[in-house]
Amino acid sequence: MELIDTPNFFLSQAVTGDGAFGAYLYKIDKRTTPQCSCGTSIQTPEHVFMHCERYKTDRPISWNDDIVATEASKYLINTMKILWEEEKEEEKTGVNCVRRISHRPRRQQLQQPKTSVRLK
């Protein structure tokens, strides 16, 4: 399916997954958890756009039909706007938000241990 819309801030984030998704925000230390607010899964683009009950309003029935490309673009953009509004609200209330800290222990735990090889 080819999206029929001019690329913009929201559509670009929907396509790349770099935006107001819990998984991405967790990865960049902006959230304390990658969980979706529905409680069933990690909040990835696939979860939000294909499975999550919270974001099913106006979800296209088929993603492979070019006839629905405009509706799909509208759905992606509107859903991203909702995600950003929810993220702004969470920032205000402090829910799931990481406050500025001087160290990142969670990220250190997620990284693979580095092995070093010494050349003689």
PDB file of N, CA and C in Angstrom:
ATOM      1  N   MET A   1       0.833  -1.173   0.000  1.00  0.00           N
ATOM      2  CA  MET A   1       0.000   0.000   0.000  1.00  0.00           C
ATOM      3  C   MET A   1       0.884   1.244   0.000  1.00  0.00           C
ATOM      4  N   GLU A   2       0.566   2.164  -0.828  1.00  0.00           N
ATOM      5  CA  GLU A   2       1.289   3.432  -0.871  1.00  0.00           C
ATOM      6  C   GLU A   2       0.428   4.486  -0.193  1.00  0.00           C
ATOM      7  N   LEU A   3       0.985   5.166   0.793  1.00  0.00           N
ATOM      8  CA  LEU A   3       0.232   6.182   1.500  1.00  0.00           C
ATOM      9  C   LEU A   3       0.024   7.392   0.605  1.00  0.00           C
ATOM     10  N   ILE A   4      -1.203   7.867   0.577  1.00  0.00           N
ATOM     11  CA  ILE A   4      -1.520   9.013  -0.259  1.00  0.00           C
ATOM     12  C   ILE A   4      -1.689  10.226   0.644  1.00  0.00           C
ATOM     13  N   ASP A   5      -0.578  10.830   0.987  1.00  0.00           N
ATOM     14  CA  ASP A   5      -0.581  12.020   1.832  1.00  0.00           C
ATOM     15  C   ASP A   5       0.816  12.617   1.776  1.00  0.00           C
ATOM     16  N   THR A   6       0.886  13.908   1.952  1.00  0.00           N
ATOM     17  CA  THR A   6       2.179  14.561   2.009  1.00  0.00           C
ATOM     18  C   THR A   6       2.847  14.166   3.317  1.00  0.00           C
ATOM     19  N   PRO A   7       4.095  13.732   3.257  1.00  0.00           N
ATOM     20  CA  PRO A   7       4.775  13.373   4.511  1.00  0.00           C
ATOM     21  C   PRO A   7       4.756  14.549   5.496  1.00  0.00           C
ATOM     22  N   ASN A   8       4.514  14.248   6.735  1.00  0.00           N
ATOM     23  CA  ASN A   8       4.519  15.274   7.764  1.00  0.00           C
ATOM     24  C   ASN A   8       5.041  14.664   9.062  1.00  0.00           C
ATOM     25  N   PHE A   9       5.107  15.458  10.103  1.00  0.00           N
ATOM     26  CA  PHE A   9       5.648  15.048  11.392  1.00  0.00           C
ATOM     27  C   PHE A   9       4.999  13.760  11.891  1.00  0.00           C
ATOM     28  N   PHE A  10       3.679  13.702  11.903  1.00  0.00           N
ATOM     29  CA  PHE A  10       2.965  12.559  12.457  1.00  0.00           C
ATOM     30  C   PHE A  10       3.074  11.325  11.575  1.00  0.00           C
ATOM     31  N   LEU A  11       2.912  11.499  10.281  1.00  0.00           N
ATOM     32  CA  LEU A  11       2.992  10.358   9.366  1.00  0.00           C
ATOM     33  C   LEU A  11       4.401   9.776   9.349  1.00  0.00           C
ATOM     34  N   SER A  12       5.405  10.635   9.394  1.00  0.00           N
ATOM     35  CA  SER A  12       6.788  10.147   9.424  1.00  0.00           C
ATOM     36  C   SER A  12       7.048   9.298  10.661  1.00  0.00           C
ATOM     37  N   GLN A  13       6.538   9.723  11.802  1.00  0.00           N
ATOM     38  CA  GLN A  13       6.727   8.942  13.021  1.00  0.00           C
ATOM     39  C   GLN A  13       5.957   7.631  12.983  1.00  0.00           C
ATOM     40  N   ALA A  14       4.787   7.648  12.387  1.00  0.00           N
ATOM     41  CA  ALA A  14       4.007   6.419  12.269  1.00  0.00           C
ATOM     42  C   ALA A  14       4.751   5.392  11.423  1.00  0.00           C
ATOM     43  N   VAL A  15       5.364   5.842  10.355  1.00  0.00           N
ATOM     44  CA  VAL A  15       6.062   4.942   9.437  1.00  0.00           C
ATOM     45  C   VAL A  15       7.394   4.454  10.005  1.00  0.00           C
ATOM     46  N   THR A  16       8.144   5.347  10.666  1.00  0.00           N
ATOM     47  CA  THR A  16       9.464   4.959  11.172  1.00  0.00           C
ATOM     48  C   THR A  16       9.421   4.309  12.549  1.00  0.00           C
ATOM     49  N   GLY A  17       8.368   4.583  13.313  1.00  0.00           N
ATOM     50  CA  GLY A  17       8.289   4.053  14.675  1.00  0.00           C
ATOM     51  C   GLY A  17       9.057   4.876  15.685  1.00  0.00           C
ATOM     52  N   ASP A  18       9.678   5.960  15.247  1.00  0.00           N
ATOM     53  CA  ASP A  18      10.416   6.856  16.138  1.00  0.00           C
ATOM     54  C   ASP A  18       9.503   8.010  16.523  1.00  0.00           C
ATOM     55  N   GLY A  19       8.778   7.816  17.598  1.00  0.00           N
ATOM     56  CA  GLY A  19       7.838   8.849  18.000  1.00  0.00           C
ATOM     57  C   GLY A  19       7.262   8.567  19.361  1.00  0.00           C
ATOM     58  N   ALA A  20       5.992   8.813  19.531  1.00  0.00           N
ATOM     59  CA  ALA A  20       5.338   8.721  20.830  1.00  0.00           C
ATOM     60  C   ALA A  20       4.910   7.301  21.179  1.00  0.00           C
ATOM     61  N   PHE A  21       5.681   6.328  20.765  1.00  0.00           N
ATOM     62  CA  PHE A  21       5.401   4.936  21.112  1.00  0.00           C
ATOM     63  C   PHE A  21       6.168   4.589  22.392  1.00  0.00           C
ATOM     64  N   GLY A  22       5.522   3.882  23.297  1.00  0.00           N
ATOM     65  CA  GLY A  22       6.152   3.522  24.555  1.00  0.00           C
ATOM     66  C   GLY A  22       7.491   2.830  24.375  1.00  0.00           C
ATOM     67  N   ALA A  23       7.585   1.923  23.400  1.00  0.00           N
ATOM     68  CA  ALA A  23       8.838   1.192  23.170  1.00  0.00           C
ATOM     69  C   ALA A  23       9.968   2.141  22.794  1.00  0.00           C
ATOM     70  N   TYR A  24       9.682   3.107  21.934  1.00  0.00           N
ATOM     71  CA  TYR A  24      10.703   4.066  21.509  1.00  0.00           C
ATOM     72  C   TYR A  24      11.069   5.006  22.660  1.00  0.00           C
ATOM     73  N   LEU A  25      10.072   5.527  23.352  1.00  0.00           N
ATOM     74  CA  LEU A  25      10.334   6.459  24.453  1.00  0.00           C
ATOM     75  C   LEU A  25      11.109   5.771  25.576  1.00  0.00           C
ATOM     76  N   TYR A  26      10.849   4.502  25.794  1.00  0.00           N
ATOM     77  CA  TYR A  26      11.598   3.728  26.786  1.00  0.00           C
ATOM     78  C   TYR A  26      13.050   3.565  26.339  1.00  0.00           C
ATOM     79  N   LYS A  27      13.220   3.303  25.073  1.00  0.00           N
ATOM     80  CA  LYS A  27      14.563   3.114  24.508  1.00  0.00           C
ATOM     81  C   LYS A  27      15.435   4.354  24.673  1.00  0.00           C
ATOM     82  N   ILE A  28      14.828   5.527  24.566  1.00  0.00           N
ATOM     83  CA  ILE A  28      15.600   6.778  24.680  1.00  0.00           C
ATOM     84  C   ILE A  28      15.495   7.395  26.075  1.00  0.00           C
ATOM     85  N   ASP A  29      15.087   6.587  27.041  1.00  0.00           N
ATOM     86  CA  ASP A  29      15.007   7.002  28.449  1.00  0.00           C
ATOM     87  C   ASP A  29      14.036   8.150  28.715  1.00  0.00           C
ATOM     88  N   LYS A  30      12.933   8.173  28.013  1.00  0.00           N
ATOM     89  CA  LYS A  30      11.894   9.171  28.268  1.00  0.00           C
ATOM     90  C   LYS A  30      10.722   8.562  29.037  1.00  0.00           C
ATOM     91  N   ARG A  31      10.714   7.239  29.153  1.00  0.00           N
ATOM     92  CA  ARG A  31       9.658   6.518  29.854  1.00  0.00           C
ATOM     93  C   ARG A  31      10.257   5.470  30.767  1.00  0.00           C
ATOM     94  N   THR A  32       9.515   5.137  31.808  1.00  0.00           N
ATOM     95  CA  THR A  32       9.982   4.109  32.734  1.00  0.00           C
ATOM     96  C   THR A  32       9.570   2.707  32.295  1.00  0.00           C
ATOM     97  N   THR A  33       8.642   2.608  31.364  1.00  0.00           N
ATOM     98  CA  THR A  33       8.172   1.314  30.882  1.00  0.00           C
ATOM     99  C   THR A  33       7.800   1.406  29.403  1.00  0.00           C
ATOM    100  N   PRO A  34       8.008   0.327  28.646  1.00  0.00           N
ATOM    101  CA  PRO A  34       7.591   0.328  27.243  1.00  0.00           C
ATOM    102  C   PRO A  34       6.136  -0.121  27.056  1.00  0.00           C
ATOM    103  N   GLN A  35       5.469  -0.483  28.161  1.00  0.00           N
ATOM    104  CA  GLN A  35       4.108  -1.021  28.107  1.00  0.00           C
ATOM    105  C   GLN A  35       3.114  -0.030  27.520  1.00  0.00           C
ATOM    106  N   CYS A  36       2.155  -0.550  26.788  1.00  0.00           N
ATOM    107  CA  CYS A  36       1.025   0.236  26.303  1.00  0.00           C
ATOM    108  C   CYS A  36       0.078   0.455  27.478  1.00  0.00           C
ATOM    109  N   SER A  37      -0.638   1.542  27.452  1.00  0.00           N
ATOM    110  CA  SER A  37      -1.571   1.833  28.540  1.00  0.00           C
ATOM    111  C   SER A  37      -2.744   0.857  28.579  1.00  0.00           C
ATOM    112  N   CYS A  38      -2.924   0.054  27.529  1.00  0.00           N
ATOM    113  CA  CYS A  38      -3.971  -0.970  27.543  1.00  0.00           C
ATOM    114  C   CYS A  38      -3.575  -2.130  28.448  1.00  0.00           C
ATOM    115  N   GLY A  39      -2.261  -2.262  28.720  1.00  0.00           N
ATOM    116  CA  GLY A  39      -1.776  -3.289  29.623  1.00  0.00           C
ATOM    117  C   GLY A  39      -1.545  -4.657  29.018  1.00  0.00           C
ATOM    118  N   THR A  40      -1.739  -4.807  27.715  1.00  0.00           N
ATOM    119  CA  THR A  40      -1.609  -6.134  27.110  1.00  0.00           C
ATOM    120  C   THR A  40      -0.293  -6.379  26.390  1.00  0.00           C
ATOM    121  N   SER A  41       0.447  -5.322  26.067  1.00  0.00           N
ATOM    122  CA  SER A  41       1.636  -5.511  25.240  1.00  0.00           C
ATOM    123  C   SER A  41       2.562  -4.306  25.350  1.00  0.00           C
ATOM    124  N   ILE A  42       3.764  -4.481  24.811  1.00  0.00           N
ATOM    125  CA  ILE A  42       4.677  -3.352  24.647  1.00  0.00           C
ATOM    126  C   ILE A  42       4.093  -2.469  23.546  1.00  0.00           C
ATOM    127  N   GLN A  43       4.165  -1.165  23.744  1.00  0.00           N
ATOM    128  CA  GLN A  43       3.547  -0.226  22.798  1.00  0.00           C
ATOM    129  C   GLN A  43       4.467   0.030  21.612  1.00  0.00           C
ATOM    130  N   THR A  44       4.365  -0.830  20.614  1.00  0.00           N
ATOM    131  CA  THR A  44       5.098  -0.691  19.363  1.00  0.00           C
ATOM    132  C   THR A  44       4.132  -0.180  18.297  1.00  0.00           C
ATOM    133  N   PRO A  45       4.650   0.286  17.154  1.00  0.00           N
ATOM    134  CA  PRO A  45       3.745   0.695  16.079  1.00  0.00           C
ATOM    135  C   PRO A  45       2.797  -0.437  15.662  1.00  0.00           C
ATOM    136  N   GLU A  46       3.326  -1.651  15.541  1.00  0.00           N
ATOM    137  CA  GLU A  46       2.471  -2.781  15.150  1.00  0.00           C
ATOM    138  C   GLU A  46       1.340  -2.986  16.154  1.00  0.00           C
ATOM    139  N   HIS A  47       1.673  -2.929  17.443  1.00  0.00           N
ATOM    140  CA  HIS A  47       0.638  -3.114  18.466  1.00  0.00           C
ATOM    141  C   HIS A  47      -0.428  -2.023  18.359  1.00  0.00           C
ATOM    142  N   VAL A  48       0.012  -0.773  18.279  1.00  0.00           N
ATOM    143  CA  VAL A  48      -0.933   0.352  18.235  1.00  0.00           C
ATOM    144  C   VAL A  48      -1.811   0.294  16.990  1.00  0.00           C
ATOM    145  N   PHE A  49      -1.201   0.127  15.827  1.00  0.00           N
ATOM    146  CA  PHE A  49      -1.937   0.238  14.575  1.00  0.00           C
ATOM    147  C   PHE A  49      -2.695  -1.028  14.165  1.00  0.00           C
ATOM    148  N   MET A  50      -2.295  -2.183  14.698  1.00  0.00           N
ATOM    149  CA  MET A  50      -2.914  -3.432  14.255  1.00  0.00           C
ATOM    150  C   MET A  50      -3.744  -4.149  15.328  1.00  0.00           C
ATOM    151  N   HIS A  51      -3.366  -3.997  16.614  1.00  0.00           N
ATOM    152  CA  HIS A  51      -3.966  -4.853  17.627  1.00  0.00           C
ATOM    153  C   HIS A  51      -4.645  -4.139  18.792  1.00  0.00           C
ATOM    154  N   CYS A  52      -4.144  -3.005  19.198  1.00  0.00           N
ATOM    155  CA  CYS A  52      -4.603  -2.367  20.433  1.00  0.00           C
ATOM    156  C   CYS A  52      -6.062  -1.921  20.331  1.00  0.00           C
ATOM    157  N   GLU A  53      -6.821  -2.311  21.337  1.00  0.00           N
ATOM    158  CA  GLU A  53      -8.239  -1.940  21.384  1.00  0.00           C
ATOM    159  C   GLU A  53      -8.431  -0.439  21.618  1.00  0.00           C
ATOM    160  N   ARG A  54      -7.462   0.198  22.265  1.00  0.00           N
ATOM    161  CA  ARG A  54      -7.586   1.633  22.556  1.00  0.00           C
ATOM    162  C   ARG A  54      -7.548   2.490  21.295  1.00  0.00           C
ATOM    163  N   TYR A  55      -6.892   2.004  20.254  1.00  0.00           N
ATOM    164  CA  TYR A  55      -6.698   2.808  19.037  1.00  0.00           C
ATOM    165  C   TYR A  55      -7.390   2.192  17.820  1.00  0.00           C
ATOM    166  N   LYS A  56      -8.465   1.451  18.046  1.00  0.00           N
ATOM    167  CA  LYS A  56      -9.124   0.777  16.931  1.00  0.00           C
ATOM    168  C   LYS A  56     -10.119   1.654  16.174  1.00  0.00           C
ATOM    169  N   THR A  57     -10.493   2.798  16.742  1.00  0.00           N
ATOM    170  CA  THR A  57     -11.434   3.691  16.067  1.00  0.00           C
ATOM    171  C   THR A  57     -10.863   4.129  14.722  1.00  0.00           C
ATOM    172  N   ASP A  58     -11.619   3.918  13.670  1.00  0.00           N
ATOM    173  CA  ASP A  58     -11.256   4.281  12.291  1.00  0.00           C
ATOM    174  C   ASP A  58     -10.084   3.477  11.727  1.00  0.00           C
ATOM    175  N   ARG A  59      -9.704   2.380  12.391  1.00  0.00           N
ATOM    176  CA  ARG A  59      -8.620   1.532  11.872  1.00  0.00           C
ATOM    177  C   ARG A  59      -9.073   0.914  10.552  1.00  0.00           C
ATOM    178  N   PRO A  60      -8.239   0.986   9.518  1.00  0.00           N
ATOM    179  CA  PRO A  60      -8.619   0.384   8.234  1.00  0.00           C
ATOM    180  C   PRO A  60      -8.812  -1.127   8.374  1.00  0.00           C
ATOM    181  N   ILE A  61      -9.788  -1.648   7.666  1.00  0.00           N
ATOM    182  CA  ILE A  61     -10.037  -3.094   7.680  1.00  0.00           C
ATOM    183  C   ILE A  61      -8.916  -3.804   6.935  1.00  0.00           C
ATOM    184  N   SER A  62      -8.493  -3.216   5.836  1.00  0.00           N
ATOM    185  CA  SER A  62      -7.407  -3.789   5.045  1.00  0.00           C
ATOM    186  C   SER A  62      -6.312  -2.742   4.864  1.00  0.00           C
ATOM    187  N   TRP A  63      -5.071  -3.165   5.005  1.00  0.00           N
ATOM    188  CA  TRP A  63      -3.937  -2.270   4.804  1.00  0.00           C
ATOM    189  C   TRP A  63      -3.328  -2.446   3.421  1.00  0.00           C
ATOM    190  N   ASN A  64      -3.792  -3.418   2.669  1.00  0.00           N
ATOM    191  CA  ASN A  64      -3.190  -3.747   1.373  1.00  0.00           C
ATOM    192  C   ASN A  64      -3.960  -3.191   0.187  1.00  0.00           C
ATOM    193  N   ASP A  65      -5.061  -2.539   0.424  1.00  0.00           N
ATOM    194  CA  ASP A  65      -5.912  -2.045  -0.641  1.00  0.00           C
ATOM    195  C   ASP A  65      -5.622  -0.568  -0.892  1.00  0.00           C
ATOM    196  N   ASP A  66      -5.194  -0.226  -2.105  1.00  0.00           N
ATOM    197  CA  ASP A  66      -4.871   1.169  -2.423  1.00  0.00           C
ATOM    198  C   ASP A  66      -6.074   2.092  -2.319  1.00  0.00           C
ATOM    199  N   ILE A  67      -7.271   1.543  -2.412  1.00  0.00           N
ATOM    200  CA  ILE A  67      -8.473   2.361  -2.299  1.00  0.00           C
ATOM    201  C   ILE A  67      -8.580   2.984  -0.913  1.00  0.00           C
ATOM    202  N   VAL A  68      -8.065   2.296   0.114  1.00  0.00           N
ATOM    203  CA  VAL A  68      -8.168   2.811   1.476  1.00  0.00           C
ATOM    204  C   VAL A  68      -6.910   3.566   1.912  1.00  0.00           C
ATOM    205  N   ALA A  69      -6.008   3.842   0.993  1.00  0.00           N
ATOM    206  CA  ALA A  69      -4.743   4.484   1.357  1.00  0.00           C
ATOM    207  C   ALA A  69      -4.960   5.834   2.033  1.00  0.00           C
ATOM    208  N   THR A  70      -5.879   6.625   1.558  1.00  0.00           N
ATOM    209  CA  THR A  70      -6.151   7.924   2.171  1.00  0.00           C
ATOM    210  C   THR A  70      -6.689   7.747   3.579  1.00  0.00           C
ATOM    211  N   GLU A  71      -7.594   6.799   3.761  1.00  0.00           N
ATOM    212  CA  GLU A  71      -8.139   6.526   5.089  1.00  0.00           C
ATOM    213  C   GLU A  71      -7.053   6.004   6.019  1.00  0.00           C
ATOM    214  N   ALA A  72      -6.157   5.187   5.487  1.00  0.00           N
ATOM    215  CA  ALA A  72      -5.053   4.661   6.300  1.00  0.00           C
ATOM    216  C   ALA A  72      -4.137   5.795   6.741  1.00  0.00           C
ATOM    217  N   SER A  73      -3.829   6.705   5.832  1.00  0.00           N
ATOM    218  CA  SER A  73      -2.989   7.856   6.186  1.00  0.00           C
ATOM    219  C   SER A  73      -3.653   8.691   7.264  1.00  0.00           C
ATOM    220  N   LYS A  74      -4.940   8.934   7.116  1.00  0.00           N
ATOM    221  CA  LYS A  74      -5.673   9.715   8.114  1.00  0.00           C
ATOM    222  C   LYS A  74      -5.659   9.006   9.462  1.00  0.00           C
ATOM    223  N   TYR A  75      -5.848   7.689   9.434  1.00  0.00           N
ATOM    224  CA  TYR A  75      -5.840   6.917  10.681  1.00  0.00           C
ATOM    225  C   TYR A  75      -4.471   7.007  11.360  1.00  0.00           C
ATOM    226  N   LEU A  76      -3.401   6.832  10.591  1.00  0.00           N
ATOM    227  CA  LEU A  76      -2.052   6.895  11.159  1.00  0.00           C
ATOM    228  C   LEU A  76      -1.781   8.269  11.773  1.00  0.00           C
ATOM    229  N   ILE A  77      -2.115   9.312  11.041  1.00  0.00           N
ATOM    230  CA  ILE A  77      -1.882  10.681  11.519  1.00  0.00           C
ATOM    231  C   ILE A  77      -2.705  10.968  12.772  1.00  0.00           C
ATOM    232  N   ASN A  78      -3.989  10.635  12.738  1.00  0.00           N
ATOM    233  CA  ASN A  78      -4.844  10.902  13.899  1.00  0.00           C
ATOM    234  C   ASN A  78      -4.420  10.096  15.119  1.00  0.00           C
ATOM    235  N   THR A  79      -4.009   8.860  14.913  1.00  0.00           N
ATOM    236  CA  THR A  79      -3.557   8.033  16.036  1.00  0.00           C
ATOM    237  C   THR A  79      -2.272   8.591  16.630  1.00  0.00           C
ATOM    238  N   MET A  80      -1.357   9.056  15.780  1.00  0.00           N
ATOM    239  CA  MET A  80      -0.125   9.665  16.293  1.00  0.00           C
ATOM    240  C   MET A  80      -0.439  10.931  17.088  1.00  0.00           C
ATOM    241  N   LYS A  81      -1.392  11.709  16.640  1.00  0.00           N
ATOM    242  CA  LYS A  81      -1.789  12.907  17.386  1.00  0.00           C
ATOM    243  C   LYS A  81      -2.317  12.522  18.767  1.00  0.00           C
ATOM    244  N   ILE A  82      -3.105  11.460  18.828  1.00  0.00           N
ATOM    245  CA  ILE A  82      -3.625  10.973  20.110  1.00  0.00           C
ATOM    246  C   ILE A  82      -2.474  10.524  21.009  1.00  0.00           C
ATOM    247  N   LEU A  83      -1.525   9.768  20.445  1.00  0.00           N
ATOM    248  CA  LEU A  83      -0.380   9.299  21.224  1.00  0.00           C
ATOM    249  C   LEU A  83       0.414  10.473  21.797  1.00  0.00           C
ATOM    250  N   TRP A  84       0.613  11.523  20.989  1.00  0.00           N
ATOM    251  CA  TRP A  84       1.361  12.682  21.469  1.00  0.00           C
ATOM    252  C   TRP A  84       0.591  13.422  22.562  1.00  0.00           C
ATOM    253  N   GLU A  85      -0.718  13.516  22.427  1.00  0.00           N
ATOM    254  CA  GLU A  85      -1.520  14.165  23.470  1.00  0.00           C
ATOM    255  C   GLU A  85      -1.435  13.368  24.772  1.00  0.00           C
ATOM    256  N   GLU A  86      -1.494  12.046  24.667  1.00  0.00           N
ATOM    257  CA  GLU A  86      -1.364  11.203  25.857  1.00  0.00           C
ATOM    258  C   GLU A  86       0.019  11.360  26.487  1.00  0.00           C
ATOM    259  N   GLU A  87       1.040  11.455  25.654  1.00  0.00           N
ATOM    260  CA  GLU A  87       2.403  11.613  26.165  1.00  0.00           C
ATOM    261  C   GLU A  87       2.552  12.962  26.887  1.00  0.00           C
ATOM    262  N   LYS A  88       1.977  14.019  26.316  1.00  0.00           N
ATOM    263  CA  LYS A  88       2.028  15.334  26.973  1.00  0.00           C
ATOM    264  C   LYS A  88       1.339  15.280  28.335  1.00  0.00           C
ATOM    265  N   GLU A  89       0.209  14.591  28.396  1.00  0.00           N
ATOM    266  CA  GLU A  89      -0.526  14.467  29.657  1.00  0.00           C
ATOM    267  C   GLU A  89       0.287  13.680  30.683  1.00  0.00           C
ATOM    268  N   GLU A  90       0.950  12.623  30.231  1.00  0.00           N
ATOM    269  CA  GLU A  90       1.785  11.838  31.141  1.00  0.00           C
ATOM    270  C   GLU A  90       2.967  12.663  31.646  1.00  0.00           C
ATOM    271  N   GLU A  91       3.516  13.515  30.804  1.00  0.00           N
ATOM    272  CA  GLU A  91       4.608  14.395  31.242  1.00  0.00           C
ATOM    273  C   GLU A  91       4.133  15.355  32.332  1.00  0.00           C
ATOM    274  N   LYS A  92       2.927  15.896  32.165  1.00  0.00           N
ATOM    275  CA  LYS A  92       2.382  16.819  33.158  1.00  0.00           C
ATOM    276  C   LYS A  92       2.190  16.134  34.503  1.00  0.00           C
ATOM    277  N   THR A  93       1.679  14.903  34.476  1.00  0.00           N
ATOM    278  CA  THR A  93       1.364  14.198  35.714  1.00  0.00           C
ATOM    279  C   THR A  93       2.539  13.408  36.262  1.00  0.00           C
ATOM    280  N   GLY A  94       3.568  13.206  35.438  1.00  0.00           N
ATOM    281  CA  GLY A  94       4.725  12.430  35.876  1.00  0.00           C
ATOM    282  C   GLY A  94       4.549  10.932  35.749  1.00  0.00           C
ATOM    283  N   VAL A  95       3.439  10.485  35.192  1.00  0.00           N
ATOM    284  CA  VAL A  95       3.184   9.055  35.020  1.00  0.00           C
ATOM    285  C   VAL A  95       4.081   8.519  33.912  1.00  0.00           C
ATOM    286  N   ASN A  96       4.799   7.450  34.184  1.00  0.00           N
ATOM    287  CA  ASN A  96       5.681   6.774  33.227  1.00  0.00           C
ATOM    288  C   ASN A  96       6.842   7.621  32.725  1.00  0.00           C
ATOM    289  N   CYS A  97       7.030   8.813  33.246  1.00  0.00           N
ATOM    290  CA  CYS A  97       8.085   9.685  32.743  1.00  0.00           C
ATOM    291  C   CYS A  97       9.358   9.530  33.559  1.00  0.00           C
ATOM    292  N   VAL A  98      10.456   9.558  32.875  1.00  0.00           N
ATOM    293  CA  VAL A  98      11.749   9.517  33.534  1.00  0.00           C
ATOM    294  C   VAL A  98      12.159  10.953  33.808  1.00  0.00           C
ATOM    295  N   ARG A  99      12.436  11.249  35.046  1.00  0.00           N
ATOM    296  CA  ARG A  99      12.933  12.576  35.388  1.00  0.00           C
ATOM    297  C   ARG A  99      14.411  12.633  35.068  1.00  0.00           C
ATOM    298  N   ARG A 100      14.918  13.811  34.841  1.00  0.00           N
ATOM    299  CA  ARG A 100      16.341  13.956  34.521  1.00  0.00           C
ATOM    300  C   ARG A 100      17.182  13.438  35.678  1.00  0.00           C
ATOM    301  N   ILE A 101      18.019  12.494  35.357  1.00  0.00           N
ATOM    302  CA  ILE A 101      18.906  11.923  36.355  1.00  0.00           C
ATOM    303  C   ILE A 101      20.318  11.906  35.797  1.00  0.00           C
ATOM    304  N   SER A 102      21.288  11.790  36.695  1.00  0.00           N
ATOM    305  CA  SER A 102      22.676  11.883  36.252  1.00  0.00           C
ATOM    306  C   SER A 102      23.228  10.562  35.732  1.00  0.00           C
ATOM    307  N   HIS A 103      22.522   9.468  35.980  1.00  0.00           N
ATOM    308  CA  HIS A 103      23.007   8.171  35.504  1.00  0.00           C
ATOM    309  C   HIS A 103      21.854   7.401  34.876  1.00  0.00           C
ATOM    310  N   ARG A 104      22.177   6.350  34.175  1.00  0.00           N
ATOM    311  CA  ARG A 104      21.168   5.558  33.484  1.00  0.00           C
ATOM    312  C   ARG A 104      21.344   4.076  33.809  1.00  0.00           C
ATOM    313  N   PRO A 105      20.980   3.658  34.994  1.00  0.00           N
ATOM    314  CA  PRO A 105      21.206   2.259  35.342  1.00  0.00           C
ATOM    315  C   PRO A 105      20.399   1.293  34.485  1.00  0.00           C
ATOM    316  N   ARG A 106      19.180   1.661  34.075  1.00  0.00           N
ATOM    317  CA  ARG A 106      18.360   0.752  33.279  1.00  0.00           C
ATOM    318  C   ARG A 106      19.017   0.466  31.938  1.00  0.00           C
ATOM    319  N   ARG A 107      19.527   1.482  31.293  1.00  0.00           N
ATOM    320  CA  ARG A 107      20.165   1.304  29.993  1.00  0.00           C
ATOM    321  C   ARG A 107      21.406   0.428  30.132  1.00  0.00           C
ATOM    322  N   GLN A 108      22.151   0.604  31.190  1.00  0.00           N
ATOM    323  CA  GLN A 108      23.338  -0.213  31.405  1.00  0.00           C
ATOM    324  C   GLN A 108      22.958  -1.675  31.540  1.00  0.00           C
ATOM    325  N   GLN A 109      21.844  -1.967  32.176  1.00  0.00           N
ATOM    326  CA  GLN A 109      21.405  -3.347  32.336  1.00  0.00           C
ATOM    327  C   GLN A 109      20.983  -3.958  31.008  1.00  0.00           C
ATOM    328  N   LEU A 110      20.444  -3.160  30.106  1.00  0.00           N
ATOM    329  CA  LEU A 110      19.966  -3.669  28.828  1.00  0.00           C
ATOM    330  C   LEU A 110      21.088  -3.928  27.833  1.00  0.00           C
ATOM    331  N   GLN A 111      22.208  -3.259  27.977  1.00  0.00           N
ATOM    332  CA  GLN A 111      23.295  -3.402  27.017  1.00  0.00           C
ATOM    333  C   GLN A 111      24.007  -4.731  27.212  1.00  0.00           C
ATOM    334  N   GLN A 112      24.470  -5.273  26.108  1.00  0.00           N
ATOM    335  CA  GLN A 112      25.255  -6.494  26.160  1.00  0.00           C
ATOM    336  C   GLN A 112      26.605  -6.198  26.789  1.00  0.00           C
ATOM    337  N   PRO A 113      27.128  -7.130  27.590  1.00  0.00           N
ATOM    338  CA  PRO A 113      28.460  -6.885  28.146  1.00  0.00           C
ATOM    339  C   PRO A 113      29.492  -6.787  27.034  1.00  0.00           C
ATOM    340  N   LYS A 114      30.388  -5.837  27.178  1.00  0.00           N
ATOM    341  CA  LYS A 114      31.420  -5.644  26.166  1.00  0.00           C
ATOM    342  C   LYS A 114      32.608  -6.541  26.485  1.00  0.00           C
ATOM    343  N   THR A 115      33.085  -7.180  25.471  1.00  0.00           N
ATOM    344  CA  THR A 115      34.278  -7.994  25.647  1.00  0.00           C
ATOM    345  C   THR A 115      35.416  -7.301  24.941  1.00  0.00           C
ATOM    346  N   SER A 116      36.545  -7.342  25.546  1.00  0.00           N
ATOM    347  CA  SER A 116      37.685  -6.682  24.918  1.00  0.00           C
ATOM    348  C   SER A 116      38.734  -7.722  24.556  1.00  0.00           C
ATOM    349  N   VAL A 117      39.343  -7.477  23.454  1.00  0.00           N
ATOM    350  CA  VAL A 117      40.415  -8.354  22.985  1.00  0.00           C
ATOM    351  C   VAL A 117      41.685  -7.526  22.955  1.00  0.00           C
ATOM    352  N   ARG A 118      42.699  -8.038  23.585  1.00  0.00           N
ATOM    353  CA  ARG A 118      43.976  -7.315  23.606  1.00  0.00           C
ATOM    354  C   ARG A 118      44.901  -7.905  22.558  1.00  0.00           C
ATOM    355  N   LEU A 119      45.416  -7.034  21.752  1.00  0.00           N
ATOM    356  CA  LEU A 119      46.396  -7.466  20.743  1.00  0.00           C
ATOM    357  C   LEU A 119      47.789  -7.305  21.309  1.00  0.00           C
ATOM    358  N   LYS A 120      48.617  -8.277  21.070  1.00  0.00           N
ATOM    359  CA  LYS A 120      49.996  -8.212  21.590  1.00  0.00           C
ATOM    360  C   LYS A 120      50.941  -7.875  20.488  1.00  0.00           C
TER     361      LYS A 120
END
